[in-house]
Amino acid sequence: MGAPMTEQYPTTDDGREEKARVNRAMFDRIARRYDRLNRLISLGMDARWRRALVERCALAPGLRALDLCTGTGDVARALARTGAEVIGLDASGEMLAAARARADGLTYVRGDALALPFPDGTFDAVTIAFGNRNVASLERLYAEMRRVAKPGGRVVSLEINRPPSPLLAGSFFLYFTRVPQLLARLCGADPAAYAYLAESVRQYPDPEAVAHIMSGAGLRDITIDRMLFGIAVIHCGMA
């Protein structure tokens, strides 16, 4: 199991707000080059992982979905292709500006994933992709996701994880501590923001610990899907 959450994330309101402020500023700085660098760093596999997340949502025309930490709207647009009504939420104004520039007709809202501005039981699916590591409390995150999901609705997350194999984990961290910063420099982005990538993955709880947190938030029938030797993991739970 992963280390206790108290060792991984700020435990005071001041600590959580500081983490949120730092992350907002970081994502504002990298918004313009975010998509391009994601594709390069993941060797294009991030798009495949997002499609897998959308499949787990089991959406259909007329249903409603909320995508948290939506960034430039990649997942929101993929969800919308199912015919669902989709809202994307993010704390970064620059990320949302990039999303709105796509003129995709979706609704984007600036807000806090830990204090969602929606009534209980609003959405048939609530998603988050590559945003778990950036919130100050996974307990609050999943409690809010469950709260705004309809009874029987799905809460689905996609995140980068440490591979379970020690050999793969060593190669993984060697790659993630060097290549993203190099690519950021070549693309004119902030290398410091991508130094954060490897450290955030190193501190993130393992998939079983995340499933335990989801269960504690009231979610049920939780599944764990590991992709690419466990480097990417999808969790799905029912509200």
Protein backbone atom coordinates (compact mmCIF):
# COMPACT_ATOMS: atom_id res chain seq x y z
CA MET A 1 0.00 0.00 0.00
CA GLY A 2 1.06 3.62 -0.50
CA ALA A 3 2.25 5.90 2.23
CA PRO A 4 -0.49 7.56 4.32
CA MET A 5 -2.01 10.58 2.68
CA THR A 6 -0.85 12.79 5.55
CA GLU A 7 2.71 12.21 4.36
CA GLN A 8 1.90 13.02 0.77
CA TYR A 9 -0.28 16.14 0.80
CA PRO A 10 -0.72 19.29 2.93
CA THR A 11 -2.89 18.62 5.97
CA THR A 12 -3.87 22.19 6.89
CA ASP A 13 -6.09 24.62 5.01
CA ASP A 14 -3.10 26.95 4.61
CA GLY A 15 -1.04 24.11 3.16
CA ARG A 16 -3.77 23.08 0.75
CA GLU A 17 -4.28 26.66 -0.42
CA GLU A 18 -0.55 27.12 -0.98
CA LYS A 19 -0.37 23.93 -3.06
CA ALA A 20 -3.38 25.12 -5.08
CA ARG A 21 -1.83 28.57 -5.63
CA VAL A 22 1.51 27.14 -6.78
CA ASN A 23 -0.17 24.70 -9.14
CA ARG A 24 -2.43 27.37 -10.65
CA ALA A 25 0.59 29.54 -11.39
CA MET A 26 2.51 26.60 -12.85
CA PHE A 27 -0.27 25.55 -15.20
CA ASP A 28 -0.88 29.16 -16.25
CA ARG A 29 2.78 29.29 -17.34
CA ILE A 30 2.73 26.11 -19.40
CA ALA A 31 -0.80 26.30 -20.88
CA ARG A 32 0.25 27.33 -24.40
CA ARG A 33 2.60 24.34 -24.84
CA TYR A 34 0.81 21.84 -22.62
CA ASP A 35 -0.78 19.65 -25.30
CA ARG A 36 2.32 19.46 -27.47
CA LEU A 37 4.54 18.46 -24.57
CA ASN A 38 2.04 15.87 -23.33
CA ARG A 39 2.13 14.17 -26.71
CA LEU A 40 5.92 14.23 -26.83
CA ILE A 41 6.49 13.05 -23.26
CA SER A 42 4.00 10.17 -23.51
CA LEU A 43 5.06 9.29 -27.07
CA GLY A 44 1.46 9.88 -28.10
CA MET A 45 0.01 7.30 -25.72
CA ASP A 46 -1.85 9.85 -23.58
CA ALA A 47 -4.57 10.08 -26.24
CA ARG A 48 -5.12 6.31 -26.09
CA TRP A 49 -5.35 6.42 -22.28
CA ARG A 50 -7.91 9.20 -22.44
CA ARG A 51 -10.04 7.18 -24.85
CA ALA A 52 -9.95 4.28 -22.39
CA LEU A 53 -11.16 6.61 -19.64
CA VAL A 54 -14.08 7.75 -21.79
CA GLU A 55 -15.05 4.14 -22.51
CA ARG A 56 -15.25 3.42 -18.75
CA CYS A 57 -17.81 6.24 -18.39
CA ALA A 58 -20.37 4.35 -20.52
CA LEU A 59 -21.99 7.60 -21.63
CA ALA A 60 -24.80 8.02 -24.16
CA PRO A 61 -26.54 10.97 -25.80
CA GLY A 62 -28.49 13.04 -23.31
CA LEU A 63 -26.41 12.12 -20.26
CA ARG A 64 -24.32 14.67 -18.35
CA ALA A 65 -20.61 14.57 -17.56
CA LEU A 66 -18.17 16.73 -15.62
CA ASP A 67 -14.44 16.70 -16.32
CA LEU A 68 -12.23 18.03 -13.50
CA CYS A 69 -8.78 19.54 -14.01
CA THR A 70 -9.88 19.68 -17.63
CA GLY A 71 -6.87 21.72 -18.77
CA THR A 72 -7.17 22.43 -22.47
CA GLY A 73 -10.28 20.25 -22.72
CA ASP A 74 -8.95 17.05 -24.30
CA VAL A 75 -11.05 14.74 -22.13
CA ALA A 76 -14.08 17.05 -22.20
CA ARG A 77 -14.13 16.97 -25.99
CA ALA A 78 -13.72 13.18 -26.02
CA LEU A 79 -16.63 12.84 -23.60
CA ALA A 80 -18.75 15.15 -25.76
CA ARG A 81 -18.23 12.90 -28.77
CA THR A 82 -20.45 10.33 -27.02
CA GLY A 83 -23.34 12.79 -27.32
CA ALA A 84 -23.27 13.67 -23.62
CA GLU A 85 -23.63 17.20 -22.28
CA VAL A 86 -20.20 18.06 -20.85
CA ILE A 87 -18.78 20.70 -18.51
CA GLY A 88 -15.04 21.12 -18.02
CA LEU A 89 -13.70 22.64 -14.80
CA ASP A 90 -10.20 23.87 -14.06
CA ALA A 91 -8.49 26.25 -11.62
CA SER A 92 -6.11 27.69 -14.23
CA GLY A 93 -7.44 30.64 -16.20
CA GLU A 94 -4.82 30.20 -18.92
CA MET A 95 -5.68 26.53 -19.37
CA LEU A 96 -9.36 27.41 -19.73
CA ALA A 97 -8.50 30.15 -22.22
CA ALA A 98 -6.70 27.53 -24.31
CA ALA A 99 -9.73 25.23 -24.05
CA ARG A 100 -12.18 27.95 -25.07
CA ALA A 101 -9.96 28.91 -28.00
CA ARG A 102 -10.85 25.55 -29.57
CA ALA A 103 -14.40 26.91 -30.11
CA ASP A 104 -15.81 23.45 -29.40
CA GLY A 105 -19.07 24.73 -27.96
CA LEU A 106 -18.53 23.13 -24.56
CA THR A 107 -19.02 24.87 -21.23
CA TYR A 108 -15.85 25.57 -19.26
CA VAL A 109 -15.93 26.75 -15.66
CA ARG A 110 -13.14 28.06 -13.48
CA GLY A 111 -13.33 26.43 -10.08
CA ASP A 112 -11.84 24.28 -7.34
CA ALA A 113 -12.03 20.49 -7.72
CA LEU A 114 -12.20 20.23 -3.93
CA ALA A 115 -15.25 22.51 -3.65
CA LEU A 116 -17.35 21.92 -6.75
CA PRO A 117 -19.96 24.59 -7.61
CA PHE A 118 -22.67 22.05 -8.50
CA PRO A 119 -25.60 20.51 -6.59
CA ASP A 120 -25.57 16.93 -5.34
CA GLY A 121 -26.38 14.24 -7.88
CA THR A 122 -25.95 16.35 -11.02
CA PHE A 123 -23.82 14.19 -13.35
CA ASP A 124 -23.93 10.71 -14.83
CA ALA A 125 -20.13 10.62 -14.96
CA VAL A 126 -17.40 12.65 -13.24
CA THR A 127 -13.86 12.32 -14.57
CA ILE A 128 -10.34 13.51 -13.89
CA ALA A 129 -7.27 12.78 -16.01
CA PHE A 130 -3.71 13.47 -14.83
CA GLY A 131 -5.05 15.84 -12.18
CA ASN A 132 -5.03 13.70 -9.05
CA ARG A 133 -1.39 14.50 -8.30
CA ASN A 134 -2.14 18.22 -8.41
CA VAL A 135 -4.86 18.40 -5.76
CA ALA A 136 -4.13 18.91 -2.09
CA SER A 137 -6.43 16.15 -0.80
CA LEU A 138 -7.49 12.99 -2.60
CA GLU A 139 -10.07 12.37 0.13
CA ARG A 140 -11.78 15.68 -0.59
CA LEU A 141 -11.45 15.18 -4.34
CA TYR A 142 -13.24 11.83 -4.38
CA ALA A 143 -15.82 12.95 -1.83
CA GLU A 144 -16.72 15.87 -4.10
CA MET A 145 -16.75 13.69 -7.22
CA ARG A 146 -19.09 11.24 -5.51
CA ARG A 147 -21.29 14.06 -4.19
CA VAL A 148 -22.01 15.57 -7.60
CA ALA A 149 -22.45 12.18 -9.29
CA LYS A 150 -25.97 10.79 -9.61
CA PRO A 151 -26.74 7.58 -7.72
CA GLY A 152 -25.31 4.85 -9.94
CA GLY A 153 -23.18 7.38 -11.81
CA ARG A 154 -19.53 6.70 -12.51
CA VAL A 155 -16.47 8.37 -11.04
CA VAL A 156 -13.45 7.70 -13.26
CA SER A 157 -9.84 8.83 -12.91
CA LEU A 158 -6.73 8.39 -15.04
CA GLU A 159 -3.29 8.95 -13.57
CA ILE A 160 0.39 8.20 -14.06
CA ASN A 161 1.78 5.72 -11.53
CA ARG A 162 5.03 4.06 -10.56
CA PRO A 163 5.39 0.74 -12.41
CA PRO A 164 5.21 -2.18 -9.95
CA SER A 165 8.36 -3.76 -11.38
CA PRO A 166 11.51 -2.34 -9.69
CA LEU A 167 13.42 -2.60 -12.99
CA LEU A 168 10.73 -0.73 -14.90
CA ALA A 169 10.35 1.80 -12.10
CA GLY A 170 14.05 2.65 -12.32
CA SER A 171 13.87 3.20 -16.07
CA PHE A 172 10.61 5.11 -15.70
CA PHE A 173 12.03 7.60 -13.21
CA LEU A 174 15.25 7.99 -15.21
CA TYR A 175 13.10 8.97 -18.19
CA PHE A 176 10.77 11.24 -16.23
CA THR A 177 13.53 13.08 -14.40
CA ARG A 178 15.38 13.98 -17.60
CA VAL A 179 13.35 13.85 -20.79
CA PRO A 180 10.40 16.13 -19.89
CA GLN A 181 12.72 18.94 -18.76
CA LEU A 182 14.80 18.59 -21.92
CA LEU A 183 11.69 18.69 -24.12
CA ALA A 184 10.38 21.70 -22.18
CA ARG A 185 13.60 23.61 -22.90
CA LEU A 186 13.48 22.69 -26.58
CA CYS A 187 9.83 23.81 -26.81
CA GLY A 188 10.40 27.04 -24.91
CA ALA A 189 8.39 25.94 -21.86
CA ASP A 190 9.26 26.10 -18.16
CA PRO A 191 11.61 23.19 -17.28
CA ALA A 192 10.90 23.59 -13.56
CA ALA A 193 7.25 22.73 -14.14
CA TYR A 194 8.29 19.42 -15.66
CA ALA A 195 10.76 18.66 -12.89
CA TYR A 196 7.64 18.54 -10.74
CA LEU A 197 6.26 15.71 -12.89
CA ALA A 198 8.61 12.99 -11.67
CA GLU A 199 8.47 14.07 -8.05
CA SER A 200 4.66 14.15 -8.03
CA VAL A 201 4.53 10.61 -9.43
CA ARG A 202 7.10 9.46 -6.86
CA GLN A 203 4.89 10.77 -4.02
CA TYR A 204 1.57 9.57 -5.41
CA PRO A 205 -0.10 6.60 -3.62
CA ASP A 206 -0.17 3.22 -5.32
CA PRO A 207 -3.38 2.09 -7.08
CA GLU A 208 -4.64 0.00 -4.15
CA ALA A 209 -4.25 2.97 -1.79
CA VAL A 210 -6.18 5.19 -4.20
CA ALA A 211 -8.95 2.57 -4.41
CA HIS A 212 -9.10 2.56 -0.60
CA ILE A 213 -9.51 6.35 -0.59
CA MET A 214 -12.30 6.07 -3.16
CA SER A 215 -14.07 3.49 -1.02
CA GLY A 216 -13.73 5.77 2.00
CA ALA A 217 -15.44 8.52 -0.02
CA GLY A 218 -18.48 6.27 -0.46
CA LEU A 219 -17.77 4.87 -3.92
CA ARG A 220 -18.46 1.20 -4.62
CA ASP A 221 -17.61 -1.52 -7.14
CA ILE A 222 -14.18 0.05 -7.66
CA THR A 223 -12.05 -1.32 -10.48
CA ILE A 224 -8.37 -0.77 -11.25
CA ASP A 225 -7.15 -1.00 -14.86
CA ARG A 226 -3.39 -0.87 -15.40
CA MET A 227 -2.04 0.10 -18.81
CA LEU A 228 1.48 -0.01 -20.25
CA PHE A 229 2.97 -2.15 -17.46
CA GLY A 230 1.19 -0.09 -14.81
CA ILE A 231 2.52 3.31 -15.89
CA ALA A 232 -1.03 4.58 -16.46
CA VAL A 233 -3.92 3.49 -14.24
CA ILE A 234 -7.67 4.01 -14.53
CA HIS A 235 -9.83 3.80 -11.42
CA CYS A 236 -13.61 3.54 -11.80
CA GLY A 237 -16.17 3.58 -9.00
CA MET A 238 -19.94 3.79 -8.76
CA ALA A 239 -21.69 6.51 -6.75
